[in-house]
Amino acid sequence: MPKEQEIVASEGRDFPMLERNLLSHLRLAILLSLLSSSLLLRARLPTPSDPGSAQTPPTKTGTAVAIIEVVAAITVIAAGFWEYWQGYADMRAQRGFLRASQTHLVVLSVVGLVVFATCLMLVSTDV
């Protein structure tokens, strides 16, 4: 007969939250690497009026931005694992999740600025 176990420190809810956050970081890293790959391959969506507009000529700016995107993707993966590890350590020590990590917020804010700047650059110029 199964025994009921008492849920201590809401572990049944907190551990899936840590995994969900880590998977969100990995999803963001995949999207950043996809953006980097499209910059390196110089692939774009063609306009309906000009079917040949999908290929753009190679530029050094596109390669530099692709490298920045790869670095941002690696940074997001590292930040995700770091947040997971810190949250897991807090859960094992039975501390509340009320203390937020300012380092994680700053790192993801910088990545957000990189993505925003890349989008502005891609819209304004042909990279």
Protein backbone atom coordinates (compact mmCIF):
# COMPACT_ATOMS: atom_id res chain seq x y z
CA MET A 1 0.00 0.00 0.00
CA PRO A 2 1.49 3.39 -0.95
CA LYS A 3 2.51 5.72 1.83
CA GLU A 4 1.79 9.42 1.67
CA GLN A 5 4.78 11.64 2.14
CA GLU A 6 4.57 15.14 3.36
CA ILE A 7 5.66 17.82 0.91
CA VAL A 8 8.49 19.74 2.52
CA ALA A 9 9.20 23.33 1.46
CA SER A 10 6.94 22.99 -1.59
CA GLU A 11 9.51 20.83 -3.43
CA GLY A 12 6.77 19.41 -5.63
CA ARG A 13 6.29 22.85 -7.17
CA ASP A 14 9.76 24.36 -6.92
CA PHE A 15 11.79 21.68 -8.67
CA PRO A 16 9.65 21.71 -11.88
CA MET A 17 9.93 25.52 -11.80
CA LEU A 18 13.72 25.23 -11.87
CA GLU A 19 13.57 22.79 -14.78
CA ARG A 20 11.11 24.98 -16.68
CA ASN A 21 13.39 28.01 -16.28
CA LEU A 22 16.39 26.01 -17.49
CA LEU A 23 14.47 24.82 -20.53
CA SER A 24 13.42 28.41 -21.28
CA HIS A 25 17.08 29.42 -21.23
CA LEU A 26 17.94 26.57 -23.60
CA ARG A 27 15.10 27.59 -25.94
CA LEU A 28 16.42 31.16 -26.02
CA ALA A 29 19.93 29.87 -26.76
CA ILE A 30 18.59 27.78 -29.66
CA LEU A 31 16.83 30.84 -31.09
CA LEU A 32 20.00 32.91 -30.79
CA SER A 33 22.05 30.23 -32.51
CA LEU A 34 19.42 30.03 -35.26
CA LEU A 35 19.73 33.79 -35.76
CA SER A 36 23.50 33.43 -35.86
CA SER A 37 23.26 30.64 -38.43
CA SER A 38 20.99 32.69 -40.66
CA LEU A 39 23.47 35.57 -40.49
CA LEU A 40 26.40 33.30 -41.36
CA LEU A 41 24.53 31.65 -44.22
CA ARG A 42 23.18 35.03 -45.38
CA ALA A 43 19.68 33.56 -45.58
CA ARG A 44 16.64 35.80 -45.46
CA LEU A 45 12.97 35.47 -46.25
CA PRO A 46 12.36 36.62 -49.81
CA THR A 47 9.94 39.42 -50.57
CA PRO A 48 6.99 38.44 -52.78
CA SER A 49 7.88 41.02 -55.43
CA ASP A 50 11.55 39.95 -55.67
CA PRO A 51 12.11 36.18 -55.28
CA GLY A 52 15.89 36.56 -55.56
CA SER A 53 16.10 38.76 -52.45
CA ALA A 54 16.64 35.80 -50.10
CA GLN A 55 20.42 35.79 -50.69
CA THR A 56 22.47 38.78 -49.63
CA PRO A 57 26.14 39.42 -50.39
CA PRO A 58 28.63 38.48 -47.65
CA THR A 59 29.72 41.25 -45.29
CA LYS A 60 32.12 41.46 -42.37
CA THR A 61 29.39 43.06 -40.26
CA GLY A 62 27.18 39.98 -40.63
CA THR A 63 29.99 37.70 -39.48
CA ALA A 64 30.75 39.93 -36.49
CA VAL A 65 27.09 40.03 -35.45
CA ALA A 66 26.84 36.25 -35.85
CA ILE A 67 29.80 35.80 -33.52
CA ILE A 68 28.16 38.13 -30.98
CA GLU A 69 24.96 36.07 -31.21
CA VAL A 70 26.86 32.82 -30.59
CA VAL A 71 28.54 34.37 -27.54
CA ALA A 72 25.11 35.54 -26.33
CA ALA A 73 23.73 31.99 -26.77
CA ILE A 74 26.59 30.50 -24.76
CA THR A 75 26.08 33.17 -22.09
CA VAL A 76 22.36 32.33 -21.87
CA ILE A 77 23.15 28.63 -21.40
CA ALA A 78 25.68 29.44 -18.67
CA ALA A 79 23.22 31.80 -16.94
CA GLY A 80 20.51 29.14 -17.08
CA PHE A 81 22.71 26.49 -15.50
CA TRP A 82 23.93 28.96 -12.90
CA GLU A 83 20.35 29.92 -11.95
CA TYR A 84 19.37 26.24 -11.83
CA TRP A 85 22.30 25.40 -9.58
CA GLN A 86 21.63 28.34 -7.23
CA GLY A 87 17.92 27.49 -7.01
CA TYR A 88 18.68 23.82 -6.38
CA ALA A 89 21.12 24.74 -3.61
CA ASP A 90 18.48 27.02 -2.05
CA MET A 91 15.91 24.24 -2.28
CA ARG A 92 18.26 21.71 -0.66
CA ALA A 93 18.99 24.18 2.15
CA GLN A 94 15.21 24.76 2.48
CA ARG A 95 15.47 28.49 1.91
CA GLY A 96 12.74 30.47 0.28
CA PHE A 97 13.02 31.62 -3.33
CA LEU A 98 12.45 35.23 -2.34
CA ARG A 99 16.01 36.36 -2.83
CA ALA A 100 16.59 37.15 -6.46
CA SER A 101 19.96 37.05 -8.13
CA GLN A 102 20.89 40.46 -9.51
CA THR A 103 23.76 38.96 -11.51
CA HIS A 104 21.36 36.79 -13.50
CA LEU A 105 19.14 39.79 -14.18
CA VAL A 106 22.07 41.86 -15.42
CA VAL A 107 23.38 39.07 -17.68
CA LEU A 108 20.01 38.47 -19.31
CA SER A 109 19.44 42.22 -19.65
CA VAL A 110 22.69 42.49 -21.60
CA VAL A 111 21.62 39.57 -23.80
CA GLY A 112 18.26 41.29 -24.35
CA LEU A 113 20.04 44.48 -25.40
CA VAL A 114 22.21 42.49 -27.83
CA VAL A 115 19.10 40.93 -29.39
CA PHE A 116 17.35 44.31 -29.60
CA ALA A 117 20.39 45.98 -31.18
CA THR A 118 20.73 43.12 -33.66
CA CYS A 119 17.08 43.42 -34.66
CA LEU A 120 17.42 47.18 -35.14
CA MET A 121 20.55 46.69 -37.22
CA LEU A 122 18.95 43.99 -39.40
CA VAL A 123 15.90 46.14 -40.03
CA SER A 124 17.85 49.30 -40.82
CA THR A 125 20.62 47.86 -43.02
CA ASP A 126 21.33 44.85 -45.19
CA VAL A 127 23.86 42.83 -43.19
